């Protein structure tokens, strides 16, 4: 059964760092892009944060996180990681990893294109 599970969230002060992990199972991971999305408090829509194609050869970022966040994947370990540095209060939210069917969908960071989701992990940036 195809599954994704996030971990690594928590409470951090502004300027701090967190490392989120997305563990996957039930599919051939190197065939599919994996994206990270977040849902801020009180918001209904999930915002695209970053996405990496199946091979790991290309990655995409929202403007709001460029130069602060880094996405990577280890297909042998079925894991995608989001390293988040210099965190800001506006980064607060529930972070989800999700799978899309095609690498071409990765760059759009559009949640409607992602078909399978994890349960999410809470990230809170506050002093």
PDB file of N, CA and C in Angstrom:
ATOM      1  N   UNK A   1       0.836  -1.186   0.000  1.00  0.00           N
ATOM      2  CA  UNK A   1       0.000   0.000   0.000  1.00  0.00           C
ATOM      3  C   UNK A   1       0.880   1.249   0.000  1.00  0.00           C
ATOM      4  N   UNK A   2       0.573   2.168  -0.880  1.00  0.00           N
ATOM      5  CA  UNK A   2       1.348   3.392  -1.013  1.00  0.00           C
ATOM      6  C   UNK A   2       1.144   4.283   0.207  1.00  0.00           C
ATOM      7  N   UNK A   3       2.235   4.645   0.901  1.00  0.00           N
ATOM      8  CA  UNK A   3       2.120   5.470   2.088  1.00  0.00           C
ATOM      9  C   UNK A   3       3.254   6.486   2.163  1.00  0.00           C
ATOM     10  N   UNK A   4       2.956   7.631   2.776  1.00  0.00           N
ATOM     11  CA  UNK A   4       3.946   8.650   3.083  1.00  0.00           C
ATOM     12  C   UNK A   4       3.749   9.073   4.530  1.00  0.00           C
ATOM     13  N   UNK A   5       4.847   9.284   5.246  1.00  0.00           N
ATOM     14  CA  UNK A   5       4.761   9.654   6.656  1.00  0.00           C
ATOM     15  C   UNK A   5       5.821  10.699   6.972  1.00  0.00           C
ATOM     16  N   UNK A   6       5.373  11.856   7.489  1.00  0.00           N
ATOM     17  CA  UNK A   6       6.268  12.945   7.827  1.00  0.00           C
ATOM     18  C   UNK A   6       6.711  12.846   9.286  1.00  0.00           C
ATOM     19  N   UNK A   7       7.890  13.386   9.553  1.00  0.00           N
ATOM     20  CA  UNK A   7       8.384  13.491  10.925  1.00  0.00           C
ATOM     21  C   UNK A   7       9.362  14.655  10.987  1.00  0.00           C
ATOM     22  N   UNK A   8       9.674  15.080  12.212  1.00  0.00           N
ATOM     23  CA  UNK A   8      10.693  16.100  12.401  1.00  0.00           C
ATOM     24  C   UNK A   8      10.180  17.482  12.754  1.00  0.00           C
ATOM     25  N   UNK A   9       8.873  17.661  12.823  1.00  0.00           N
ATOM     26  CA  UNK A   9       8.349  18.964  13.188  1.00  0.00           C
ATOM     27  C   UNK A   9       8.587  19.273  14.649  1.00  0.00           C
ATOM     28  N   UNK A  10       8.269  20.515  15.033  1.00  0.00           N
ATOM     29  CA  UNK A  10       8.435  20.907  16.422  1.00  0.00           C
ATOM     30  C   UNK A  10       8.365  22.414  16.588  1.00  0.00           C
ATOM     31  N   UNK A  11       8.749  22.858  17.767  1.00  0.00           N
ATOM     32  CA  UNK A  11       8.772  24.279  18.108  1.00  0.00           C
ATOM     33  C   UNK A  11      10.213  24.786  18.020  1.00  0.00           C
ATOM     34  N   UNK A  12      10.410  25.890  17.321  1.00  0.00           N
ATOM     35  CA  UNK A  12      11.745  26.439  17.163  1.00  0.00           C
ATOM     36  C   UNK A  12      11.660  27.954  17.206  1.00  0.00           C
ATOM     37  N   UNK A  13      12.718  28.590  17.670  1.00  0.00           N
ATOM     38  CA  UNK A  13      12.752  30.047  17.711  1.00  0.00           C
ATOM     39  C   UNK A  13      13.068  30.620  16.326  1.00  0.00           C
ATOM     40  N   UNK A  14      12.653  31.847  16.070  1.00  0.00           N
ATOM     41  CA  UNK A  14      13.026  32.485  14.796  1.00  0.00           C
ATOM     42  C   UNK A  14      14.536  32.456  14.594  1.00  0.00           C
ATOM     43  N   UNK A  15      14.934  32.151  13.361  1.00  0.00           N
ATOM     44  CA  UNK A  15      16.347  32.002  13.047  1.00  0.00           C
ATOM     45  C   UNK A  15      16.864  30.590  13.215  1.00  0.00           C
ATOM     46  N   UNK A  16      16.069  29.722  13.812  1.00  0.00           N
ATOM     47  CA  UNK A  16      16.495  28.353  14.041  1.00  0.00           C
ATOM     48  C   UNK A  16      16.287  27.458  12.833  1.00  0.00           C
ATOM     49  N   UNK A  17      16.567  26.170  13.022  1.00  0.00           N
ATOM     50  CA  UNK A  17      16.489  25.196  11.941  1.00  0.00           C
ATOM     51  C   UNK A  17      15.699  23.964  12.368  1.00  0.00           C
ATOM     52  N   UNK A  18      15.095  23.325  11.386  1.00  0.00           N
ATOM     53  CA  UNK A  18      14.450  22.027  11.553  1.00  0.00           C
ATOM     54  C   UNK A  18      14.704  21.204  10.314  1.00  0.00           C
ATOM     55  N   UNK A  19      14.668  19.888  10.500  1.00  0.00           N
ATOM     56  CA  UNK A  19      14.852  18.967   9.390  1.00  0.00           C
ATOM     57  C   UNK A  19      13.655  18.034   9.354  1.00  0.00           C
ATOM     58  N   UNK A  20      12.869  18.132   8.315  1.00  0.00           N
ATOM     59  CA  UNK A  20      11.702  17.268   8.145  1.00  0.00           C
ATOM     60  C   UNK A  20      12.049  16.080   7.264  1.00  0.00           C
ATOM     61  N   UNK A  21      11.471  14.945   7.590  1.00  0.00           N
ATOM     62  CA  UNK A  21      11.651  13.736   6.783  1.00  0.00           C
ATOM     63  C   UNK A  21      10.317  13.209   6.310  1.00  0.00           C
ATOM     64  N   UNK A  22      10.321  12.662   5.117  1.00  0.00           N
ATOM     65  CA  UNK A  22       9.150  12.000   4.550  1.00  0.00           C
ATOM     66  C   UNK A  22       9.576  10.575   4.194  1.00  0.00           C
ATOM     67  N   UNK A  23       9.057   9.623   4.927  1.00  0.00           N
ATOM     68  CA  UNK A  23       9.362   8.221   4.644  1.00  0.00           C
ATOM     69  C   UNK A  23       8.248   7.638   3.788  1.00  0.00           C
ATOM     70  N   UNK A  24       8.629   6.934   2.741  1.00  0.00           N
ATOM     71  CA  UNK A  24       7.645   6.407   1.795  1.00  0.00           C
ATOM     72  C   UNK A  24       7.720   4.890   1.743  1.00  0.00           C
ATOM     73  N   UNK A  25       6.619   4.286   1.308  1.00  0.00           N
ATOM     74  CA  UNK A  25       6.577   2.842   1.140  1.00  0.00           C
ATOM     75  C   UNK A  25       5.487   2.485   0.151  1.00  0.00           C
ATOM     76  N   UNK A  26       5.618   1.298  -0.436  1.00  0.00           N
ATOM     77  CA  UNK A  26       4.566   0.780  -1.291  1.00  0.00           C
ATOM     78  C   UNK A  26       4.662   1.168  -2.749  1.00  0.00           C
ATOM     79  N   UNK A  27       5.750   1.815  -3.156  1.00  0.00           N
ATOM     80  CA  UNK A  27       5.901   2.167  -4.566  1.00  0.00           C
ATOM     81  C   UNK A  27       7.381   2.337  -4.885  1.00  0.00           C
ATOM     82  N   UNK A  28       7.673   2.360  -6.191  1.00  0.00           N
ATOM     83  CA  UNK A  28       9.036   2.544  -6.644  1.00  0.00           C
ATOM     84  C   UNK A  28       9.371   4.029  -6.609  1.00  0.00           C
ATOM     85  N   UNK A  29      10.027   4.438  -5.553  1.00  0.00           N
ATOM     86  CA  UNK A  29      10.145   5.856  -5.242  1.00  0.00           C
ATOM     87  C   UNK A  29      10.838   6.659  -6.334  1.00  0.00           C
ATOM     88  N   UNK A  30      11.815   6.097  -7.028  1.00  0.00           N
ATOM     89  CA  UNK A  30      12.576   6.900  -7.977  1.00  0.00           C
ATOM     90  C   UNK A  30      11.790   7.238  -9.252  1.00  0.00           C
ATOM     91  N   UNK A  31      10.558   6.784  -9.347  1.00  0.00           N
ATOM     92  CA  UNK A  31       9.721   7.106 -10.509  1.00  0.00           C
ATOM     93  C   UNK A  31       8.858   8.338 -10.298  1.00  0.00           C
ATOM     94  N   UNK A  32       8.794   8.842  -9.072  1.00  0.00           N
ATOM     95  CA  UNK A  32       7.807   9.880  -8.774  1.00  0.00           C
ATOM     96  C   UNK A  32       8.407  11.083  -8.071  1.00  0.00           C
ATOM     97  N   UNK A  33       7.912  12.278  -8.411  1.00  0.00           N
ATOM     98  CA  UNK A  33       8.323  13.466  -7.664  1.00  0.00           C
ATOM     99  C   UNK A  33       7.623  13.513  -6.311  1.00  0.00           C
ATOM    100  N   UNK A  34       8.297  14.091  -5.356  1.00  0.00           N
ATOM    101  CA  UNK A  34       7.744  14.288  -4.022  1.00  0.00           C
ATOM    102  C   UNK A  34       7.802  15.778  -3.697  1.00  0.00           C
ATOM    103  N   UNK A  35       6.698  16.294  -3.217  1.00  0.00           N
ATOM    104  CA  UNK A  35       6.636  17.706  -2.853  1.00  0.00           C
ATOM    105  C   UNK A  35       6.361  17.899  -1.382  1.00  0.00           C
ATOM    106  N   UNK A  36       6.740  19.080  -0.902  1.00  0.00           N
ATOM    107  CA  UNK A  36       6.388  19.506   0.454  1.00  0.00           C
ATOM    108  C   UNK A  36       5.428  20.682   0.349  1.00  0.00           C
ATOM    109  N   UNK A  37       4.397  20.638   1.166  1.00  0.00           N
ATOM    110  CA  UNK A  37       3.385  21.680   1.225  1.00  0.00           C
ATOM    111  C   UNK A  37       3.166  22.070   2.680  1.00  0.00           C
ATOM    112  N   UNK A  38       2.602  23.233   2.883  1.00  0.00           N
ATOM    113  CA  UNK A  38       2.286  23.631   4.254  1.00  0.00           C
ATOM    114  C   UNK A  38       0.920  24.327   4.283  1.00  0.00           C
ATOM    115  N   UNK A  39       0.299  24.178   5.430  1.00  0.00           N
ATOM    116  CA  UNK A  39      -1.003  24.798   5.648  1.00  0.00           C
ATOM    117  C   UNK A  39      -0.893  25.661   6.890  1.00  0.00           C
ATOM    118  N   UNK A  40      -0.981  26.971   6.685  1.00  0.00           N
ATOM    119  CA  UNK A  40      -0.842  27.905   7.798  1.00  0.00           C
ATOM    120  C   UNK A  40      -2.106  27.902   8.647  1.00  0.00           C
ATOM    121  N   UNK A  41      -2.007  28.322   9.900  1.00  0.00           N
ATOM    122  CA  UNK A  41      -3.191  28.375  10.772  1.00  0.00           C
ATOM    123  C   UNK A  41      -4.276  29.251  10.153  1.00  0.00           C
ATOM    124  N   UNK A  42      -5.485  28.741  10.144  1.00  0.00           N
ATOM    125  CA  UNK A  42      -6.611  29.493   9.617  1.00  0.00           C
ATOM    126  C   UNK A  42      -6.735  29.502   8.104  1.00  0.00           C
ATOM    127  N   UNK A  43      -5.797  28.866   7.413  1.00  0.00           N
ATOM    128  CA  UNK A  43      -5.834  28.827   5.952  1.00  0.00           C
ATOM    129  C   UNK A  43      -6.375  27.472   5.483  1.00  0.00           C
ATOM    130  N   UNK A  44      -7.180  27.489   4.455  1.00  0.00           N
ATOM    131  CA  UNK A  44      -7.731  26.234   3.934  1.00  0.00           C
ATOM    132  C   UNK A  44      -6.829  25.613   2.885  1.00  0.00           C
ATOM    133  N   UNK A  45      -6.150  26.470   2.123  1.00  0.00           N
ATOM    134  CA  UNK A  45      -5.328  25.955   1.025  1.00  0.00           C
ATOM    135  C   UNK A  45      -3.930  25.594   1.515  1.00  0.00           C
ATOM    136  N   UNK A  46      -3.381  24.589   0.862  1.00  0.00           N
ATOM    137  CA  UNK A  46      -2.014  24.179   1.136  1.00  0.00           C
ATOM    138  C   UNK A  46      -1.079  24.866   0.140  1.00  0.00           C
ATOM    139  N   UNK A  47      -0.042  25.476   0.693  1.00  0.00           N
ATOM    140  CA  UNK A  47       0.921  26.230  -0.112  1.00  0.00           C
ATOM    141  C   UNK A  47       2.082  25.332  -0.513  1.00  0.00           C
ATOM    142  N   UNK A  48       2.445  25.341  -1.782  1.00  0.00           N
ATOM    143  CA  UNK A  48       3.603  24.579  -2.223  1.00  0.00           C
ATOM    144  C   UNK A  48       4.883  25.188  -1.709  1.00  0.00           C
ATOM    145  N   UNK A  49       5.743  24.363  -1.130  1.00  0.00           N
ATOM    146  CA  UNK A  49       7.005  24.828  -0.560  1.00  0.00           C
ATOM    147  C   UNK A  49       8.179  24.412  -1.440  1.00  0.00           C
ATOM    148  N   UNK A  50       8.208  23.129  -1.794  1.00  0.00           N
ATOM    149  CA  UNK A  50       9.324  22.617  -2.569  1.00  0.00           C
ATOM    150  C   UNK A  50       8.933  21.287  -3.188  1.00  0.00           C
ATOM    151  N   UNK A  51       9.637  20.936  -4.261  1.00  0.00           N
ATOM    152  CA  UNK A  51       9.388  19.653  -4.907  1.00  0.00           C
ATOM    153  C   UNK A  51      10.678  19.161  -5.543  1.00  0.00           C
ATOM    154  N   UNK A  52      10.866  17.841  -5.545  1.00  0.00           N
ATOM    155  CA  UNK A  52      12.044  17.251  -6.155  1.00  0.00           C
ATOM    156  C   UNK A  52      11.600  16.125  -7.077  1.00  0.00           C
ATOM    157  N   UNK A  53      12.173  16.067  -8.270  1.00  0.00           N
ATOM    158  CA  UNK A  53      11.771  15.051  -9.238  1.00  0.00           C
ATOM    159  C   UNK A  53      12.284  13.679  -8.819  1.00  0.00           C
ATOM    160  N   UNK A  54      11.755  12.641  -9.471  1.00  0.00           N
ATOM    161  CA  UNK A  54      12.047  11.277  -9.071  1.00  0.00           C
ATOM    162  C   UNK A  54      13.526  10.926  -9.004  1.00  0.00           C
ATOM    163  N   UNK A  55      14.294  11.387  -9.951  1.00  0.00           N
ATOM    164  CA  UNK A  55      15.731  11.089  -9.974  1.00  0.00           C
ATOM    165  C   UNK A  55      16.528  11.929  -8.993  1.00  0.00           C
ATOM    166  N   UNK A  56      15.922  12.998  -8.480  1.00  0.00           N
ATOM    167  CA  UNK A  56      16.637  13.946  -7.638  1.00  0.00           C
ATOM    168  C   UNK A  56      17.410  14.986  -8.425  1.00  0.00           C
ATOM    169  N   UNK A  57      17.309  14.962  -9.751  1.00  0.00           N
ATOM    170  CA  UNK A  57      18.112  15.835 -10.588  1.00  0.00           C
ATOM    171  C   UNK A  57      17.671  17.280 -10.627  1.00  0.00           C
ATOM    172  N   UNK A  58      16.413  17.535 -10.295  1.00  0.00           N
ATOM    173  CA  UNK A  58      15.905  18.911 -10.289  1.00  0.00           C
ATOM    174  C   UNK A  58      15.041  19.134  -9.066  1.00  0.00           C
ATOM    175  N   UNK A  59      15.099  20.349  -8.537  1.00  0.00           N
ATOM    176  CA  UNK A  59      14.295  20.702  -7.373  1.00  0.00           C
ATOM    177  C   UNK A  59      13.749  22.108  -7.569  1.00  0.00           C
ATOM    178  N   UNK A  60      12.617  22.358  -6.964  1.00  0.00           N
ATOM    179  CA  UNK A  60      11.924  23.639  -7.139  1.00  0.00           C
ATOM    180  C   UNK A  60      11.507  24.158  -5.769  1.00  0.00           C
ATOM    181  N   UNK A  61      11.480  25.489  -5.660  1.00  0.00           N
ATOM    182  CA  UNK A  61      11.177  26.123  -4.385  1.00  0.00           C
ATOM    183  C   UNK A  61      10.224  27.291  -4.582  1.00  0.00           C
ATOM    184  N   UNK A  62       9.361  27.497  -3.584  1.00  0.00           N
ATOM    185  CA  UNK A  62       8.585  28.724  -3.541  1.00  0.00           C
ATOM    186  C   UNK A  62       9.524  29.889  -3.258  1.00  0.00           C
ATOM    187  N   UNK A  63       9.190  31.061  -3.779  1.00  0.00           N
ATOM    188  CA  UNK A  63      10.040  32.239  -3.571  1.00  0.00           C
ATOM    189  C   UNK A  63      10.253  32.531  -2.092  1.00  0.00           C
ATOM    190  N   UNK A  64       9.230  32.236  -1.290  1.00  0.00           N
ATOM    191  CA  UNK A  64       9.282  32.568   0.133  1.00  0.00           C
ATOM    192  C   UNK A  64      10.307  31.738   0.906  1.00  0.00           C
ATOM    193  N   UNK A  65      10.761  30.629   0.324  1.00  0.00           N
ATOM    194  CA  UNK A  65      11.694  29.762   1.054  1.00  0.00           C
ATOM    195  C   UNK A  65      13.032  29.591   0.340  1.00  0.00           C
ATOM    196  N   UNK A  66      13.160  30.165  -0.834  1.00  0.00           N
ATOM    197  CA  UNK A  66      14.425  30.042  -1.570  1.00  0.00           C
ATOM    198  C   UNK A  66      15.580  30.558  -0.725  1.00  0.00           C
ATOM    199  N   UNK A  67      16.690  29.868  -0.814  1.00  0.00           N
ATOM    200  CA  UNK A  67      17.931  30.198  -0.091  1.00  0.00           C
ATOM    201  C   UNK A  67      17.845  29.905   1.398  1.00  0.00           C
ATOM    202  N   UNK A  68      16.706  29.397   1.868  1.00  0.00           N
ATOM    203  CA  UNK A  68      16.581  29.004   3.277  1.00  0.00           C
ATOM    204  C   UNK A  68      16.306  27.516   3.429  1.00  0.00           C
ATOM    205  N   UNK A  69      15.519  26.955   2.499  1.00  0.00           N
ATOM    206  CA  UNK A  69      15.142  25.546   2.562  1.00  0.00           C
ATOM    207  C   UNK A  69      15.878  24.771   1.477  1.00  0.00           C
ATOM    208  N   UNK A  70      16.185  23.508   1.788  1.00  0.00           N
ATOM    209  CA  UNK A  70      16.814  22.620   0.807  1.00  0.00           C
ATOM    210  C   UNK A  70      16.117  21.267   0.840  1.00  0.00           C
ATOM    211  N   UNK A  71      15.679  20.812  -0.319  1.00  0.00           N
ATOM    212  CA  UNK A  71      15.045  19.505  -0.432  1.00  0.00           C
ATOM    213  C   UNK A  71      16.045  18.515  -1.012  1.00  0.00           C
ATOM    214  N   UNK A  72      15.979  17.279  -0.540  1.00  0.00           N
ATOM    215  CA  UNK A  72      16.848  16.227  -1.064  1.00  0.00           C
ATOM    216  C   UNK A  72      16.127  14.897  -0.937  1.00  0.00           C
ATOM    217  N   UNK A  73      16.635  13.892  -1.624  1.00  0.00           N
ATOM    218  CA  UNK A  73      16.018  12.572  -1.519  1.00  0.00           C
ATOM    219  C   UNK A  73      17.079  11.490  -1.577  1.00  0.00           C
ATOM    220  N   UNK A  74      16.775  10.402  -0.895  1.00  0.00           N
ATOM    221  CA  UNK A  74      17.603   9.202  -0.922  1.00  0.00           C
ATOM    222  C   UNK A  74      16.681   8.064  -1.315  1.00  0.00           C
ATOM    223  N   UNK A  75      16.682   7.738  -2.591  1.00  0.00           N
ATOM    224  CA  UNK A  75      15.751   6.718  -3.074  1.00  0.00           C
ATOM    225  C   UNK A  75      16.060   5.334  -2.512  1.00  0.00           C
ATOM    226  N   UNK A  76      17.303   5.091  -2.198  1.00  0.00           N
ATOM    227  CA  UNK A  76      17.658   3.790  -1.608  1.00  0.00           C
ATOM    228  C   UNK A  76      17.048   3.623  -0.224  1.00  0.00           C
ATOM    229  N   UNK A  77      16.845   4.751   0.472  1.00  0.00           N
ATOM    230  CA  UNK A  77      16.265   4.711   1.822  1.00  0.00           C
ATOM    231  C   UNK A  77      14.803   5.136   1.827  1.00  0.00           C
ATOM    232  N   UNK A  78      14.248   5.380   0.623  1.00  0.00           N
ATOM    233  CA  UNK A  78      12.834   5.763   0.505  1.00  0.00           C
ATOM    234  C   UNK A  78      12.501   6.993   1.343  1.00  0.00           C
ATOM    235  N   UNK A  79      13.366   7.979   1.304  1.00  0.00           N
ATOM    236  CA  UNK A  79      13.194   9.150   2.158  1.00  0.00           C
ATOM    237  C   UNK A  79      13.436  10.439   1.381  1.00  0.00           C
ATOM    238  N   UNK A  80      12.598  11.428   1.653  1.00  0.00           N
ATOM    239  CA  UNK A  80      12.797  12.786   1.165  1.00  0.00           C
ATOM    240  C   UNK A  80      12.933  13.705   2.374  1.00  0.00           C
ATOM    241  N   UNK A  81      13.912  14.585   2.331  1.00  0.00           N
ATOM    242  CA  UNK A  81      14.211  15.450   3.463  1.00  0.00           C
ATOM    243  C   UNK A  81      14.051  16.915   3.071  1.00  0.00           C
ATOM    244  N   UNK A  82      13.532  17.703   4.001  1.00  0.00           N
ATOM    245  CA  UNK A  82      13.449  19.151   3.816  1.00  0.00           C
ATOM    246  C   UNK A  82      14.217  19.808   4.957  1.00  0.00           C
ATOM    247  N   UNK A  83      15.366  20.365   4.632  1.00  0.00           N
ATOM    248  CA  UNK A  83      16.165  21.095   5.608  1.00  0.00           C
ATOM    249  C   UNK A  83      15.723  22.547   5.598  1.00  0.00           C
ATOM    250  N   UNK A  84      15.295  23.032   6.759  1.00  0.00           N
ATOM    251  CA  UNK A  84      14.755  24.390   6.868  1.00  0.00           C
ATOM    252  C   UNK A  84      15.640  25.208   7.795  1.00  0.00           C
ATOM    253  N   UNK A  85      16.242  26.237   7.256  1.00  0.00           N
ATOM    254  CA  UNK A  85      17.129  27.119   8.021  1.00  0.00           C
ATOM    255  C   UNK A  85      16.557  28.523   8.094  1.00  0.00           C
ATOM    256  N   UNK A  86      17.065  29.287   9.056  1.00  0.00           N
ATOM    257  CA  UNK A  86      16.627  30.684   9.230  1.00  0.00           C
ATOM    258  C   UNK A  86      15.097  30.787   9.224  1.00  0.00           C
ATOM    259  N   UNK A  87      14.488  29.980  10.056  1.00  0.00           N
ATOM    260  CA  UNK A  87      13.028  29.923  10.086  1.00  0.00           C
ATOM    261  C   UNK A  87      12.426  31.217  10.590  1.00  0.00           C
ATOM    262  N   UNK A  88      11.268  31.540  10.054  1.00  0.00           N
ATOM    263  CA  UNK A  88      10.551  32.765  10.388  1.00  0.00           C
ATOM    264  C   UNK A  88       9.175  32.410  10.939  1.00  0.00           C
ATOM    265  N   UNK A  89       8.572  33.283  11.715  1.00  0.00           N
ATOM    266  CA  UNK A  89       7.218  32.986  12.235  1.00  0.00           C
ATOM    267  C   UNK A  89       6.224  32.648  11.124  1.00  0.00           C
ATOM    268  N   UNK A  90       6.371  33.244   9.968  1.00  0.00           N
ATOM    269  CA  UNK A  90       5.438  32.965   8.868  1.00  0.00           C
ATOM    270  C   UNK A  90       5.646  31.581   8.250  1.00  0.00           C
ATOM    271  N   UNK A  91       6.664  30.852   8.684  1.00  0.00           N
ATOM    272  CA  UNK A  91       6.839  29.468   8.245  1.00  0.00           C
ATOM    273  C   UNK A  91       5.996  28.501   9.075  1.00  0.00           C
ATOM    274  N   UNK A  92       5.344  29.003  10.093  1.00  0.00           N
ATOM    275  CA  UNK A  92       4.517  28.164  10.958  1.00  0.00           C
ATOM    276  C   UNK A  92       3.380  27.529  10.174  1.00  0.00           C
ATOM    277  N   UNK A  93       3.137  26.235  10.452  1.00  0.00           N
ATOM    278  CA  UNK A  93       2.040  25.535   9.808  1.00  0.00           C
ATOM    279  C   UNK A  93       2.220  24.040   9.913  1.00  0.00           C
ATOM    280  N   UNK A  94       1.271  23.330   9.362  1.00  0.00           N
ATOM    281  CA  UNK A  94       1.388  21.879   9.238  1.00  0.00           C
ATOM    282  C   UNK A  94       2.032  21.593   7.884  1.00  0.00           C
ATOM    283  N   UNK A  95       3.091  20.803   7.924  1.00  0.00           N
ATOM    284  CA  UNK A  95       3.844  20.480   6.721  1.00  0.00           C
ATOM    285  C   UNK A  95       3.494  19.059   6.272  1.00  0.00           C
ATOM    286  N   UNK A  96       3.199  18.945   4.984  1.00  0.00           N
ATOM    287  CA  UNK A  96       2.810  17.675   4.385  1.00  0.00           C
ATOM    288  C   UNK A  96       3.778  17.318   3.265  1.00  0.00           C
ATOM    289  N   UNK A  97       4.087  16.039   3.122  1.00  0.00           N
ATOM    290  CA  UNK A  97       4.735  15.597   1.893  1.00  0.00           C
ATOM    291  C   UNK A  97       3.688  14.872   1.043  1.00  0.00           C
ATOM    292  N   UNK A  98       3.900  14.912  -0.260  1.00  0.00           N
ATOM    293  CA  UNK A  98       2.903  14.366  -1.174  1.00  0.00           C
ATOM    294  C   UNK A  98       3.575  13.897  -2.457  1.00  0.00           C
ATOM    295  N   UNK A  99       2.904  12.997  -3.140  1.00  0.00           N
ATOM    296  CA  UNK A  99       3.416  12.381  -4.348  1.00  0.00           C
ATOM    297  C   UNK A  99       2.610  12.854  -5.552  1.00  0.00           C
ATOM    298  N   UNK A 100       3.302  13.149  -6.646  1.00  0.00           N
ATOM    299  CA  UNK A 100       2.638  13.446  -7.914  1.00  0.00           C
ATOM    300  C   UNK A 100       2.957  12.347  -8.916  1.00  0.00           C
ATOM    301  N   UNK A 101       2.140  12.261  -9.958  1.00  0.00           N
ATOM    302  CA  UNK A 101       2.285  11.164 -10.916  1.00  0.00           C
ATOM    303  C   UNK A 101       3.413  11.396 -11.915  1.00  0.00           C
ATOM    304  N   UNK A 102       3.747  12.655 -12.184  1.00  0.00           N
ATOM    305  CA  UNK A 102       4.716  12.972 -13.236  1.00  0.00           C
ATOM    306  C   UNK A 102       5.714  14.033 -12.771  1.00  0.00           C
ATOM    307  N   UNK A 103       6.972  13.885 -13.195  1.00  0.00           N
ATOM    308  CA  UNK A 103       7.983  14.887 -12.886  1.00  0.00           C
ATOM    309  C   UNK A 103       7.592  16.274 -13.415  1.00  0.00           C
ATOM    310  N   UNK A 104       6.908  16.321 -14.552  1.00  0.00           N
ATOM    311  CA  UNK A 104       6.541  17.604 -15.155  1.00  0.00           C
ATOM    312  C   UNK A 104       5.638  18.444 -14.260  1.00  0.00           C
ATOM    313  N   UNK A 105       4.961  17.796 -13.320  1.00  0.00           N
ATOM    314  CA  UNK A 105       4.055  18.523 -12.420  1.00  0.00           C
ATOM    315  C   UNK A 105       4.794  19.151 -11.246  1.00  0.00           C
ATOM    316  N   UNK A 106       6.027  18.778 -11.059  1.00  0.00           N
ATOM    317  CA  UNK A 106       6.758  19.187  -9.859  1.00  0.00           C
ATOM    318  C   UNK A 106       6.927  20.695  -9.777  1.00  0.00           C
ATOM    319  N   UNK A 107       7.327  21.320 -10.856  1.00  0.00           N
ATOM    320  CA  UNK A 107       7.699  22.739 -10.816  1.00  0.00           C
ATOM    321  C   UNK A 107       6.540  23.667 -10.498  1.00  0.00           C
ATOM    322  N   UNK A 108       5.311  23.210 -10.726  1.00  0.00           N
ATOM    323  CA  UNK A 108       4.156  24.093 -10.489  1.00  0.00           C
ATOM    324  C   UNK A 108       3.835  24.244  -9.006  1.00  0.00           C
ATOM    325  N   UNK A 109       4.288  23.292  -8.183  1.00  0.00           N
ATOM    326  CA  UNK A 109       4.010  23.337  -6.737  1.00  0.00           C
ATOM    327  C   UNK A 109       2.517  23.573  -6.471  1.00  0.00           C
ATOM    328  N   UNK A 110       1.691  22.890  -7.256  1.00  0.00           N
ATOM    329  CA  UNK A 110       0.242  23.045  -7.140  1.00  0.00           C
ATOM    330  C   UNK A 110      -0.326  21.818  -6.445  1.00  0.00           C
ATOM    331  N   UNK A 111      -0.951  22.021  -5.315  1.00  0.00           N
ATOM    332  CA  UNK A 111      -1.390  20.872  -4.509  1.00  0.00           C
ATOM    333  C   UNK A 111      -2.404  19.994  -5.239  1.00  0.00           C
ATOM    334  N   UNK A 112      -3.131  20.563  -6.201  1.00  0.00           N
ATOM    335  CA  UNK A 112      -4.158  19.761  -6.878  1.00  0.00           C
ATOM    336  C   UNK A 112      -3.536  18.661  -7.745  1.00  0.00           C
ATOM    337  N   UNK A 113      -2.259  18.794  -8.067  1.00  0.00           N
ATOM    338  CA  UNK A 113      -1.576  17.808  -8.902  1.00  0.00           C
ATOM    339  C   UNK A 113      -0.989  16.648  -8.108  1.00  0.00           C
ATOM    340  N   UNK A 114      -1.050  16.719  -6.792  1.00  0.00           N
ATOM    341  CA  UNK A 114      -0.447  15.706  -5.937  1.00  0.00           C
ATOM    342  C   UNK A 114      -1.541  14.787  -5.417  1.00  0.00           C
ATOM    343  N   UNK A 115      -1.314  13.493  -5.570  1.00  0.00           N
ATOM    344  CA  UNK A 115      -2.412  12.541  -5.431  1.00  0.00           C
ATOM    345  C   UNK A 115      -2.385  11.725  -4.160  1.00  0.00           C
ATOM    346  N   UNK A 116      -1.276  11.680  -3.476  1.00  0.00           N
ATOM    347  CA  UNK A 116      -1.211  10.926  -2.231  1.00  0.00           C
ATOM    348  C   UNK A 116      -0.438  11.736  -1.212  1.00  0.00           C
ATOM    349  N   UNK A 117      -0.985  11.798   0.024  1.00  0.00           N
ATOM    350  CA  UNK A 117      -0.482  12.702   1.040  1.00  0.00           C
ATOM    351  C   UNK A 117      -0.169  11.968   2.334  1.00  0.00           C
ATOM    352  N   UNK A 118       0.800  12.524   3.059  1.00  0.00           N
ATOM    353  CA  UNK A 118       1.027  12.060   4.415  1.00  0.00           C
ATOM    354  C   UNK A 118       0.065  12.753   5.366  1.00  0.00           C
ATOM    355  N   UNK A 119       0.228  12.481   6.654  1.00  0.00           N
ATOM    356  CA  UNK A 119      -0.700  13.002   7.663  1.00  0.00           C
ATOM    357  C   UNK A 119      -0.283  14.392   8.161  1.00  0.00           C
ATOM    358  N   UNK A 120       0.942  14.797   7.887  1.00  0.00           N
ATOM    359  CA  UNK A 120       1.400  16.123   8.273  1.00  0.00           C
ATOM    360  C   UNK A 120       2.167  16.133   9.576  1.00  0.00           C
ATOM    361  N   UNK A 121       3.029  17.157   9.713  1.00  0.00           N
ATOM    362  CA  UNK A 121       3.775  17.370  10.950  1.00  0.00           C
ATOM    363  C   UNK A 121       3.776  18.870  11.245  1.00  0.00           C
ATOM    364  N   UNK A 122       3.577  19.213  12.524  1.00  0.00           N
ATOM    365  CA  UNK A 122       3.432  20.613  12.909  1.00  0.00           C
ATOM    366  C   UNK A 122       4.797  21.274  13.065  1.00  0.00           C
ATOM    367  N   UNK A 123       4.935  22.449  12.465  1.00  0.00           N
ATOM    368  CA  UNK A 123       6.103  23.295  12.638  1.00  0.00           C
ATOM    369  C   UNK A 123       5.632  24.625  13.215  1.00  0.00           C
ATOM    370  N   UNK A 124       6.198  25.006  14.354  1.00  0.00           N
ATOM    371  CA  UNK A 124       5.849  26.270  14.991  1.00  0.00           C
ATOM    372  C   UNK A 124       7.117  27.077  15.204  1.00  0.00           C
ATOM    373  N   UNK A 125       7.128  28.282  14.654  1.00  0.00           N
ATOM    374  CA  UNK A 125       8.276  29.167  14.793  1.00  0.00           C
ATOM    375  C   UNK A 125       7.833  30.351  15.655  1.00  0.00           C
ATOM    376  N   UNK A 126       8.356  30.391  16.865  1.00  0.00           N
ATOM    377  CA  UNK A 126       7.913  31.408  17.812  1.00  0.00           C
ATOM    378  C   UNK A 126       8.966  31.615  18.881  1.00  0.00           C
ATOM    379  N   UNK A 127       9.046  32.846  19.370  1.00  0.00           N
ATOM    380  CA  UNK A 127       9.961  33.131  20.471  1.00  0.00           C
ATOM    381  C   UNK A 127       9.224  33.039  21.807  1.00  0.00           C
TER     382      UNK A 127
END
